[in-house]
C-alpha atoms as a PDB file:
ATOM      1  CA  MET A   1      70.231  16.252  17.714  1.00  0.00           C
ATOM      2  CA  LYS A   2      69.900  13.700  19.911  1.00  0.00           C
ATOM      3  CA  PRO A   3      66.700  11.966  21.393  1.00  0.00           C
ATOM      4  CA  GLY A   4      65.749  13.027  24.523  1.00  0.00           C
ATOM      5  CA  LYS A   5      68.317  16.124  24.421  1.00  0.00           C
ATOM      6  CA  THR A   6      66.066  19.630  25.647  1.00  0.00           C
ATOM      7  CA  VAL A   7      66.432  22.714  23.224  1.00  0.00           C
ATOM      8  CA  THR A   8      66.380  25.720  24.311  1.00  0.00           C
ATOM      9  CA  ALA A   9      65.208  28.692  22.712  1.00  0.00           C
ATOM     10  CA  ALA A  10      66.969  31.377  21.381  1.00  0.00           C
ATOM     11  CA  THR A  11      66.905  34.756  23.498  1.00  0.00           C
ATOM     12  CA  ASN A  12      66.020  38.202  22.099  1.00  0.00           C
ATOM     13  CA  ARG A  13      69.139  39.901  22.760  1.00  0.00           C
ATOM     14  CA  GLY A  14      67.908  43.270  23.513  1.00  0.00           C
ATOM     15  CA  PHE A  15      64.742  42.856  21.372  1.00  0.00           C
ATOM     16  CA  LYS A  16      62.276  44.887  23.172  1.00  0.00           C
ATOM     17  CA  PRO A  17      58.449  43.944  21.936  1.00  0.00           C
ATOM     18  CA  SER A  18      56.119  46.393  20.508  1.00  0.00           C
ATOM     19  CA  PRO A  19      53.249  47.202  23.201  1.00  0.00           C
ATOM     20  CA  THR A  20      50.447  47.246  20.539  1.00  0.00           C
ATOM     21  CA  LEU A  21      51.560  43.774  19.687  1.00  0.00           C
ATOM     22  CA  PRO A  22      49.512  41.617  22.048  1.00  0.00           C
ATOM     23  CA  THR A  23      46.500  43.723  20.571  1.00  0.00           C
ATOM     24  CA  ARG A  24      46.928  43.115  17.123  1.00  0.00           C
ATOM     25  CA  LYS A  25      47.202  39.380  18.270  1.00  0.00           C
ATOM     26  CA  SER A  26      43.837  39.226  20.030  1.00  0.00           C
ATOM     27  CA  SER A  27      41.911  41.271  17.198  1.00  0.00           C
ATOM     28  CA  LEU A  28      43.487  38.508  14.835  1.00  0.00           C
ATOM     29  CA  SER A  29      42.521  36.099  17.289  1.00  0.00           C
ATOM     30  CA  ALA A  30      38.744  37.291  17.555  1.00  0.00           C
ATOM     31  CA  TYR A  31      38.481  37.568  13.726  1.00  0.00           C
ATOM     32  CA  PHE A  32      39.741  34.265  13.001  1.00  0.00           C
ATOM     33  CA  THR A  33      37.336  32.308  15.746  1.00  0.00           C
ATOM     34  CA  TYR A  34      34.324  34.481  14.570  1.00  0.00           C
ATOM     35  CA  CYS A  35      34.901  33.010  10.834  1.00  0.00           C
ATOM     36  CA  GLY A  36      35.508  29.710  12.240  1.00  0.00           C
ATOM     37  CA  LEU A  37      32.098  30.013  14.074  1.00  0.00           C
ATOM     38  CA  ALA A  38      30.191  31.335  11.082  1.00  0.00           C
ATOM     39  CA  CYS A  39      31.265  28.695   8.535  1.00  0.00           C
ATOM     40  CA  THR A  40      30.715  26.236  10.932  1.00  0.00           C
ATOM     41  CA  ILE A  41      26.932  27.326  11.474  1.00  0.00           C
ATOM     42  CA  LEU A  42      27.075  27.945   7.495  1.00  0.00           C
ATOM     43  CA  ALA A  43      27.508  24.263   7.038  1.00  0.00           C
ATOM     44  CA  THR A  44      25.594  22.771   9.980  1.00  0.00           C
ATOM     45  CA  VAL A  45      22.673  24.844   7.919  1.00  0.00           C
ATOM     46  CA  LEU A  46      23.934  23.025   4.509  1.00  0.00           C
ATOM     47  CA  PHE A  47      24.077  19.828   5.998  1.00  0.00           C
ATOM     48  CA  PHE A  48      20.640  19.946   7.146  1.00  0.00           C
ATOM     49  CA  CYS A  49      19.319  21.926   4.277  1.00  0.00           C
ATOM     50  CA  SER A  50      20.311  19.451   2.160  1.00  0.00           C
ATOM     51  CA  GLY A  51      19.335  15.957   4.097  1.00  0.00           C
ATOM     52  CA  ASN A  52      16.262  17.334   3.971  1.00  0.00           C
ATOM     53  CA  ARG A  53      15.852  17.309   0.427  1.00  0.00           C
ATOM     54  CA  ALA A  54      17.119  14.017   0.061  1.00  0.00           C
ATOM     55  CA  VAL A  55      14.530  12.486   2.315  1.00  0.00           C
ATOM     56  CA  ALA A  56      11.711  14.292   0.640  1.00  0.00           C
ATOM     57  CA  GLN A  57      13.570  13.169  -2.547  1.00  0.00           C
ATOM     58  CA  SER A  58      13.982   9.677  -1.180  1.00  0.00           C
ATOM     59  CA  SER A  59      10.457   9.361  -0.143  1.00  0.00           C
ATOM     60  CA  GLY A  60       8.725  10.485  -3.103  1.00  0.00           C
ATOM     61  CA  SER A  61      11.113   7.965  -5.430  1.00  0.00           C
ATOM     62  CA  HIS A  62       9.527   5.149  -3.530  1.00  0.00           C
ATOM     63  CA  GLY A  63       5.916   6.214  -3.121  1.00  0.00           C
ATOM     64  CA  VAL A  64       3.693   4.833  -0.155  1.00  0.00           C
ATOM     65  CA  ARG A  65       5.095   2.493   1.926  1.00  0.00           C
ATOM     66  CA  ASN A  66       1.745   0.579   3.838  1.00  0.00           C
ATOM     67  CA  VAL A  67      -0.578  -1.554   2.037  1.00  0.00           C
ATOM     68  CA  LEU A  68      -3.678  -2.164   3.169  1.00  0.00           C
ATOM     69  CA  LEU A  69      -5.454  -5.682   1.637  1.00  0.00           C
ATOM     70  CA  VAL A  70      -9.275  -6.365   1.978  1.00  0.00           C
ATOM     71  CA  HIS A  71     -10.479  -9.938   1.363  1.00  0.00           C
ATOM     72  CA  GLY A  72     -13.499 -10.635  -0.545  1.00  0.00           C
ATOM     73  CA  ALA A  73     -16.729 -12.923   0.066  1.00  0.00           C
ATOM     74  CA  TRP A  74     -16.315 -16.907   1.104  1.00  0.00           C
ATOM     75  CA  ALA A  75     -12.703 -15.555   2.264  1.00  0.00           C
ATOM     76  CA  ASP A  76     -10.837 -14.031   5.141  1.00  0.00           C
ATOM     77  CA  GLY A  77      -7.610 -12.050   5.338  1.00  0.00           C
ATOM     78  CA  SER A  78      -5.393 -15.377   4.832  1.00  0.00           C
ATOM     79  CA  SER A  79      -6.318 -15.202   1.365  1.00  0.00           C
ATOM     80  CA  TRP A  80      -3.191 -12.732   0.936  1.00  0.00           C
ATOM     81  CA  SER A  81      -1.207 -15.105   2.657  1.00  0.00           C
ATOM     82  CA  LYS A  82       1.442 -15.865  -0.284  1.00  0.00           C
ATOM     83  CA  VAL A  83       1.551 -11.950  -1.131  1.00  0.00           C
ATOM     84  CA  ILE A  84       2.092 -10.555   1.743  1.00  0.00           C
ATOM     85  CA  PRO A  85       5.820 -12.015   2.384  1.00  0.00           C
ATOM     86  CA  LEU A  86       6.436 -10.711  -0.995  1.00  0.00           C
ATOM     87  CA  LEU A  87       5.259  -7.355  -0.353  1.00  0.00           C
ATOM     88  CA  GLU A  88       7.187  -7.041   2.871  1.00  0.00           C
ATOM     89  CA  ALA A  89      10.101  -8.274   1.615  1.00  0.00           C
ATOM     90  CA  LYS A  90      10.066  -5.092  -0.462  1.00  0.00           C
ATOM     91  CA  GLY A  91       9.978  -3.113   2.484  1.00  0.00           C
ATOM     92  CA  LEU A  92       6.264  -2.716   2.571  1.00  0.00           C
ATOM     93  CA  LYS A  93       4.171  -2.264   5.703  1.00  0.00           C
ATOM     94  CA  VAL A  94       1.473  -4.443   5.152  1.00  0.00           C
ATOM     95  CA  THR A  95      -1.777  -4.918   7.047  1.00  0.00           C
ATOM     96  CA  ALA A  96      -4.996  -7.559   5.930  1.00  0.00           C
ATOM     97  CA  VAL A  97      -8.587  -6.907   7.660  1.00  0.00           C
ATOM     98  CA  GLN A  98     -10.899  -9.168   9.015  1.00  0.00           C
ATOM     99  CA  LEU A  99     -14.286  -8.507   7.377  1.00  0.00           C
ATOM    100  CA  PRO A 100     -17.225  -9.737   9.297  1.00  0.00           C
ATOM    101  CA  LEU A 101     -19.050  -9.744   6.008  1.00  0.00           C
ATOM    102  CA  THR A 102     -22.145  -8.999   7.794  1.00  0.00           C
ATOM    103  CA  SER A 103     -23.066  -6.037   6.162  1.00  0.00           C
ATOM    104  CA  LEU A 104     -21.814  -3.217   3.791  1.00  0.00           C
ATOM    105  CA  ALA A 105     -21.752  -0.870   6.482  1.00  0.00           C
ATOM    106  CA  ASP A 106     -20.065  -3.136   9.175  1.00  0.00           C
ATOM    107  CA  ASP A 107     -17.132  -3.898   6.394  1.00  0.00           C
ATOM    108  CA  VAL A 108     -16.791  -0.421   5.727  1.00  0.00           C
ATOM    109  CA  ALA A 109     -16.407   0.526   9.099  1.00  0.00           C
ATOM    110  CA  THR A 110     -14.183  -2.513   9.595  1.00  0.00           C
ATOM    111  CA  VAL A 111     -11.536  -1.050   7.105  1.00  0.00           C
ATOM    112  CA  LYS A 112     -11.954   2.662   8.314  1.00  0.00           C
ATOM    113  CA  ARG A 113     -10.920   1.800  11.647  1.00  0.00           C
ATOM    114  CA  ALA A 114      -7.604  -0.212  10.521  1.00  0.00           C
ATOM    115  CA  PHE A 115      -7.126   3.382   8.602  1.00  0.00           C
ATOM    116  CA  ALA A 116      -6.725   4.515  11.953  1.00  0.00           C
ATOM    117  CA  LEU A 117      -3.425   2.760  12.669  1.00  0.00           C
ATOM    118  CA  GLU A 118      -1.701   3.627   9.487  1.00  0.00           C
ATOM    119  CA  ASP A 119       0.828   6.292  10.329  1.00  0.00           C
ATOM    120  CA  GLY A 120       0.973   7.484   6.639  1.00  0.00           C
ATOM    121  CA  PRO A 121      -0.441   7.362   3.269  1.00  0.00           C
ATOM    122  CA  PHE A 122      -1.186   3.747   1.957  1.00  0.00           C
ATOM    123  CA  LEU A 123      -2.696   1.627  -0.947  1.00  0.00           C
ATOM    124  CA  LEU A 124      -5.884   0.696  -0.458  1.00  0.00           C
ATOM    125  CA  VAL A 125      -6.271  -3.372  -2.484  1.00  0.00           C
ATOM    126  CA  GLY A 126      -9.499  -5.199  -2.444  1.00  0.00           C
ATOM    127  CA  HIS A 127     -10.484  -8.521  -3.623  1.00  0.00           C
ATOM    128  CA  SER A 128     -13.859  -9.693  -5.122  1.00  0.00           C
ATOM    129  CA  TYR A 129     -16.648  -8.007  -2.826  1.00  0.00           C
ATOM    130  CA  GLY A 130     -13.948  -6.087  -0.948  1.00  0.00           C
ATOM    131  CA  GLY A 131     -13.836  -4.149  -4.230  1.00  0.00           C
ATOM    132  CA  SER A 132     -17.219  -2.725  -3.215  1.00  0.00           C
ATOM    133  CA  VAL A 133     -15.671  -2.339   0.011  1.00  0.00           C
ATOM    134  CA  ILE A 134     -12.392   0.169  -0.899  1.00  0.00           C
ATOM    135  CA  SER A 135     -14.997   2.228  -3.389  1.00  0.00           C
ATOM    136  CA  GLU A 136     -17.120   2.908  -0.754  1.00  0.00           C
ATOM    137  CA  ALA A 137     -14.303   3.365   1.935  1.00  0.00           C
ATOM    138  CA  GLY A 138     -11.732   4.664  -0.162  1.00  0.00           C
ATOM    139  CA  ASN A 139     -12.128   8.061  -0.238  1.00  0.00           C
ATOM    140  CA  ASP A 140     -10.287   8.762   3.283  1.00  0.00           C
ATOM    141  CA  PRO A 141      -7.245  11.532   2.524  1.00  0.00           C
ATOM    142  CA  LYS A 142      -4.665   9.157   3.768  1.00  0.00           C
ATOM    143  CA  VAL A 143      -5.285   6.551   0.964  1.00  0.00           C
ATOM    144  CA  ALA A 144      -3.472   7.111  -1.693  1.00  0.00           C
ATOM    145  CA  GLY A 145      -4.413   4.685  -4.651  1.00  0.00           C
ATOM    146  CA  LEU A 146      -6.560   1.785  -5.087  1.00  0.00           C
ATOM    147  CA  VAL A 147      -6.114  -1.739  -6.482  1.00  0.00           C
ATOM    148  CA  TYR A 148      -8.725  -4.045  -7.482  1.00  0.00           C
ATOM    149  CA  VAL A 149      -7.970  -7.364  -7.914  1.00  0.00           C
ATOM    150  CA  ALA A 150     -10.207  -8.907  -9.550  1.00  0.00           C
ATOM    151  CA  ALA A 151     -13.097  -7.380  -7.894  1.00  0.00           C
ATOM    152  CA  PHE A 152     -16.638  -5.858  -8.540  1.00  0.00           C
ATOM    153  CA  ALA A 153     -16.565  -1.979  -8.787  1.00  0.00           C
ATOM    154  CA  PRO A 154     -19.504  -0.346  -8.653  1.00  0.00           C
ATOM    155  CA  ASP A 155     -20.282   3.078  -9.582  1.00  0.00           C
ATOM    156  CA  LYS A 156     -22.504   6.000  -7.628  1.00  0.00           C
ATOM    157  CA  GLY A 157     -26.067   4.258  -6.984  1.00  0.00           C
ATOM    158  CA  GLN A 158     -24.795   0.961  -8.356  1.00  0.00           C
ATOM    159  CA  SER A 159     -24.621  -2.217  -5.549  1.00  0.00           C
ATOM    160  CA  THR A 160     -22.934  -5.848  -6.156  1.00  0.00           C
ATOM    161  CA  LEU A 161     -25.971  -7.435  -6.744  1.00  0.00           C
ATOM    162  CA  ASP A 162     -26.767  -4.880  -9.608  1.00  0.00           C
ATOM    163  CA  LEU A 163     -23.176  -5.814 -11.051  1.00  0.00           C
ATOM    164  CA  ILE A 164     -24.270  -9.730 -10.125  1.00  0.00           C
ATOM    165  CA  THR A 165     -27.015  -9.825 -11.978  1.00  0.00           C
ATOM    166  CA  ALA A 166     -26.099  -7.968 -15.306  1.00  0.00           C
ATOM    167  CA  ASN A 167     -23.207 -10.246 -15.892  1.00  0.00           C
ATOM    168  CA  PRO A 168     -24.091 -13.503 -14.769  1.00  0.00           C
ATOM    169  CA  THR A 169     -21.352 -16.424 -14.366  1.00  0.00           C
ATOM    170  CA  PRO A 170     -21.210 -20.691 -14.128  1.00  0.00           C
ATOM    171  CA  VAL A 171     -21.233 -19.907 -10.082  1.00  0.00           C
ATOM    172  CA  GLY A 172     -24.880 -18.580  -9.550  1.00  0.00           C
ATOM    173  CA  PRO A 173     -26.514 -22.059  -9.057  1.00  0.00           C
ATOM    174  CA  GLU A 174     -23.601 -22.645  -6.194  1.00  0.00           C
ATOM    175  CA  LEU A 175     -25.079 -20.769  -4.016  1.00  0.00           C
ATOM    176  CA  ARG A 176     -26.200 -22.049  -1.011  1.00  0.00           C
ATOM    177  CA  PRO A 177     -28.577 -19.573   1.129  1.00  0.00           C
ATOM    178  CA  ALA A 178     -28.884 -20.265   4.934  1.00  0.00           C
ATOM    179  CA  ALA A 179     -30.379 -17.561   7.448  1.00  0.00           C
ATOM    180  CA  GLY A 180     -30.181 -14.235   5.182  1.00  0.00           C
ATOM    181  CA  PHE A 181     -26.052 -15.792   4.622  1.00  0.00           C
ATOM    182  CA  PHE A 182     -24.640 -17.420   1.357  1.00  0.00           C
ATOM    183  CA  LYS A 183     -22.110 -19.583   1.139  1.00  0.00           C
ATOM    184  CA  LEU A 184     -20.559 -21.643  -1.836  1.00  0.00           C
ATOM    185  CA  SER A 185     -20.994 -25.281  -2.491  1.00  0.00           C
ATOM    186  CA  ALA A 186     -18.108 -28.018  -2.898  1.00  0.00           C
ATOM    187  CA  LYS A 187     -18.495 -27.874  -6.535  1.00  0.00           C
ATOM    188  CA  GLY A 188     -18.696 -24.250  -6.511  1.00  0.00           C
ATOM    189  CA  VAL A 189     -15.250 -24.014  -4.568  1.00  0.00           C
ATOM    190  CA  PHE A 190     -13.204 -26.404  -6.727  1.00  0.00           C
ATOM    191  CA  GLU A 191     -14.847 -25.709 -10.011  1.00  0.00           C
ATOM    192  CA  ASP A 192     -15.775 -21.827 -10.022  1.00  0.00           C
ATOM    193  CA  PHE A 193     -14.016 -20.048  -7.095  1.00  0.00           C
ATOM    194  CA  ALA A 194     -10.473 -21.647  -7.149  1.00  0.00           C
ATOM    195  CA  PRO A 195     -10.011 -24.549 -10.216  1.00  0.00           C
ATOM    196  CA  ASP A 196      -6.322 -24.020 -10.849  1.00  0.00           C
ATOM    197  CA  LEU A 197      -5.711 -24.259  -7.166  1.00  0.00           C
ATOM    198  CA  PRO A 198      -4.097 -27.456  -5.683  1.00  0.00           C
ATOM    199  CA  GLU A 199      -6.976 -30.309  -3.953  1.00  0.00           C
ATOM    200  CA  VAL A 200      -5.259 -29.448  -0.980  1.00  0.00           C
ATOM    201  CA  GLU A 201      -6.047 -26.023  -0.773  1.00  0.00           C
ATOM    202  CA  ARG A 202      -9.148 -25.725  -2.312  1.00  0.00           C
ATOM    203  CA  LYS A 203     -10.425 -28.464   0.583  1.00  0.00           C
ATOM    204  CA  VAL A 204      -9.164 -25.806   3.051  1.00  0.00           C
ATOM    205  CA  LEU A 205     -10.643 -22.709   1.421  1.00  0.00           C
ATOM    206  CA  PHE A 206     -14.128 -24.806   0.883  1.00  0.00           C
ATOM    207  CA  ALA A 207     -13.367 -25.547   5.019  1.00  0.00           C
ATOM    208  CA  THR A 208     -12.955 -22.204   5.976  1.00  0.00           C
ATOM    209  CA  GLN A 209     -14.862 -20.105   4.086  1.00  0.00           C
ATOM    210  CA  GLY A 210     -16.617 -17.032   5.686  1.00  0.00           C
ATOM    211  CA  PRO A 211     -20.360 -16.822   4.740  1.00  0.00           C
ATOM    212  CA  ILE A 212     -21.718 -13.496   3.432  1.00  0.00           C
ATOM    213  CA  ALA A 213     -25.039 -11.896   4.217  1.00  0.00           C
ATOM    214  CA  GLY A 214     -27.219 -11.434   1.109  1.00  0.00           C
ATOM    215  CA  ALA A 215     -28.032  -7.968   2.463  1.00  0.00           C
ATOM    216  CA  ALA A 216     -24.365  -6.552   1.744  1.00  0.00           C
ATOM    217  CA  LEU A 217     -24.853  -7.181  -1.605  1.00  0.00           C
ATOM    218  CA  GLY A 218     -27.375  -5.115  -1.998  1.00  0.00           C
ATOM    219  CA  VAL A 219     -26.220  -2.024  -0.630  1.00  0.00           C
ATOM    220  CA  GLN A 220     -25.838   0.902  -3.203  1.00  0.00           C
ATOM    221  CA  ILE A 221     -22.352   2.568  -3.464  1.00  0.00           C
ATOM    222  CA  SER A 222     -23.071   6.509  -2.524  1.00  0.00           C
ATOM    223  CA  THR A 223     -19.807   7.788  -3.598  1.00  0.00           C
ATOM    224  CA  PRO A 224     -17.601   5.764  -5.483  1.00  0.00           C
ATOM    225  CA  ALA A 225     -13.756   6.104  -4.257  1.00  0.00           C
ATOM    226  CA  TRP A 226     -12.306   5.027  -7.880  1.00  0.00           C
ATOM    227  CA  ARG A 227     -13.560   8.258  -9.119  1.00  0.00           C
ATOM    228  CA  ASN A 228     -11.423  10.540  -7.279  1.00  0.00           C
ATOM    229  CA  LYS A 229      -8.503   8.177  -6.509  1.00  0.00           C
ATOM    230  CA  PRO A 230      -6.087   6.842  -9.185  1.00  0.00           C
ATOM    231  CA  SER A 231      -6.831   3.027  -9.628  1.00  0.00           C
ATOM    232  CA  TRP A 232      -4.799   0.258 -10.850  1.00  0.00           C
ATOM    233  CA  PHE A 233      -6.946  -2.850 -11.495  1.00  0.00           C
ATOM    234  CA  VAL A 234      -5.563  -6.857 -11.855  1.00  0.00           C
ATOM    235  CA  ILE A 235      -7.926  -9.047 -14.065  1.00  0.00           C
ATOM    236  CA  ALA A 236      -8.566 -12.321 -13.847  1.00  0.00           C
ATOM    237  CA  GLY A 237      -8.696 -13.661 -17.220  1.00  0.00           C
ATOM    238  CA  ASP A 238     -10.635 -16.747 -16.662  1.00  0.00           C
ATOM    239  CA  ASP A 239     -12.285 -15.635 -13.691  1.00  0.00           C
ATOM    240  CA  ARG A 240     -15.889 -17.883 -13.114  1.00  0.00           C
ATOM    241  CA  MET A 241     -17.024 -15.445 -10.038  1.00  0.00           C
ATOM    242  CA  ILE A 242     -16.848 -12.276 -11.522  1.00  0.00           C
ATOM    243  CA  SER A 243     -17.451 -11.657 -15.835  1.00  0.00           C
ATOM    244  CA  PRO A 244     -13.765 -11.081 -16.686  1.00  0.00           C
ATOM    245  CA  LYS A 245     -15.549  -8.675 -19.528  1.00  0.00           C
ATOM    246  CA  LEU A 246     -17.187  -6.831 -16.368  1.00  0.00           C
ATOM    247  CA  GLU A 247     -13.228  -6.531 -15.094  1.00  0.00           C
ATOM    248  CA  GLU A 248     -12.271  -4.900 -18.302  1.00  0.00           C
ATOM    249  CA  ALA A 249     -15.305  -2.735 -18.594  1.00  0.00           C
ATOM    250  CA  GLU A 250     -14.323  -1.619 -14.731  1.00  0.00           C
ATOM    251  CA  ALA A 251     -10.666  -0.924 -15.311  1.00  0.00           C
ATOM    252  CA  GLN A 252     -11.479   1.071 -18.445  1.00  0.00           C
ATOM    253  CA  GLU A 253     -14.779   3.098 -16.683  1.00  0.00           C
ATOM    254  CA  MET A 254     -11.889   3.982 -13.981  1.00  0.00           C
ATOM    255  CA  LYS A 255      -9.064   4.778 -16.463  1.00  0.00           C
ATOM    256  CA  ALA A 256      -6.882   1.894 -14.003  1.00  0.00           C
ATOM    257  CA  LYS A 257      -3.567   0.684 -15.035  1.00  0.00           C
ATOM    258  CA  SER A 258      -4.358  -2.954 -15.479  1.00  0.00           C
ATOM    259  CA  ILE A 259      -3.076  -6.302 -16.084  1.00  0.00           C
ATOM    260  CA  THR A 260      -4.409  -9.419 -17.392  1.00  0.00           C
ATOM    261  CA  ILE A 261      -3.440 -12.717 -15.992  1.00  0.00           C
ATOM    262  CA  SER A 262      -4.833 -15.994 -16.894  1.00  0.00           C
ATOM    263  CA  SER A 263      -6.105 -17.306 -13.823  1.00  0.00           C
ATOM    264  CA  SER A 264      -8.923 -18.277 -12.145  1.00  0.00           C
ATOM    265  CA  HIS A 265     -10.939 -15.798  -9.383  1.00  0.00           C
ATOM    266  CA  LEU A 266      -8.245 -16.523  -6.794  1.00  0.00           C
ATOM    267  CA  VAL A 267      -5.133 -15.057  -8.580  1.00  0.00           C
ATOM    268  CA  MET A 268      -3.480 -13.575  -5.754  1.00  0.00           C
ATOM    269  CA  LEU A 269      -3.326 -17.482  -4.389  1.00  0.00           C
ATOM    270  CA  SER A 270      -2.487 -18.956  -8.049  1.00  0.00           C
ATOM    271  CA  HIS A 271      -0.393 -16.290  -9.011  1.00  0.00           C
ATOM    272  CA  PRO A 272       0.716 -14.216  -5.878  1.00  0.00           C
ATOM    273  CA  VAL A 273       4.465 -13.414  -7.779  1.00  0.00           C
ATOM    274  CA  GLU A 274       2.540 -11.380  -9.940  1.00  0.00           C
ATOM    275  CA  VAL A 275      -0.131  -9.796  -8.774  1.00  0.00           C
ATOM    276  CA  ALA A 276       2.540  -8.722  -5.279  1.00  0.00           C
ATOM    277  CA  GLY A 277       4.844  -7.178  -8.227  1.00  0.00           C
ATOM    278  CA  PHE A 278       1.664  -5.338  -9.478  1.00  0.00           C
ATOM    279  CA  ILE A 279       0.746  -3.953  -6.079  1.00  0.00           C
ATOM    280  CA  GLU A 280       4.378  -2.823  -5.502  1.00  0.00           C
ATOM    281  CA  ARG A 281       4.102  -1.330  -8.612  1.00  0.00           C
ATOM    282  CA  ALA A 282       0.823   0.781  -7.760  1.00  0.00           C
ATOM    283  CA  ALA A 283       2.132   1.977  -4.355  1.00  0.00           C
ATOM    284  CA  HIS A 284       5.646   3.163  -6.117  1.00  0.00           C
ATOM    285  CA  GLU A 285       3.684   5.008  -8.717  1.00  0.00           C
ATOM    286  CA  SER A 286       0.739   6.480  -6.317  1.00  0.00           C
ATOM    287  CA  GLY A 287       3.403   8.087  -4.238  1.00  0.00           C
ATOM    288  CA  THR A 288       4.468   9.696  -7.419  1.00  0.00           C
ATOM    289  CA  ASP A 289       1.324  11.027  -9.234  1.00  0.00           C
END
């Protein structure tokens, strides 16, 4: 056949089509149409069902994706500055609160206001006095777990001050009272608070330290969240602010998964990689418990 030449269809040479053929053709066409539609609907249902299962499995396997960080006394949210980018690099959404340090009630209220801005379950992390704050604030249903980083973890009826007086440390003489608040002396910062940080960082910490109201330390915890929530604990083995023995005892009491790092009190600044890795692990595990 040459290109472009029209092909003429063969004639039917006297053939008379059956009068029932169009009806049969219409019936078959409708049958296949209905089958195709049913298959399409079935495929769509299966796609969305499997998609939902995949999403659920993915969410469960990744744990919680939100992390709320709570600093301690003589500090502010920037004490997490080295940990935050490491957590965010792992896909976690991180918020660091700024405590007023004026009273336990004020600090708890500040943390609870941050709860309202979280778009799902989250991990609540507290350092030092921040451990007392998350113990009081952490009973919220959105809190999936608690991480204590070189922190106080008072039980019901205990205060931070109770734990301090029962477990004295070298920093005691370096507290400087002023109008009901306490600051650290230069020696307290350089030798007790952050002895393993570079000098330039210790100078900044001393200049920017947030004084804490003495009254905040004396308030008893009503219902400690660690009694009801899965917990993790970073123990600072060389801590001169909180006794490492106290940190170990607290971790054992709350049956927390823990690690011990040879570090000063500001372990998240001196060992940010290890602390961030531990928090990431807790975030993953808190979503699967």
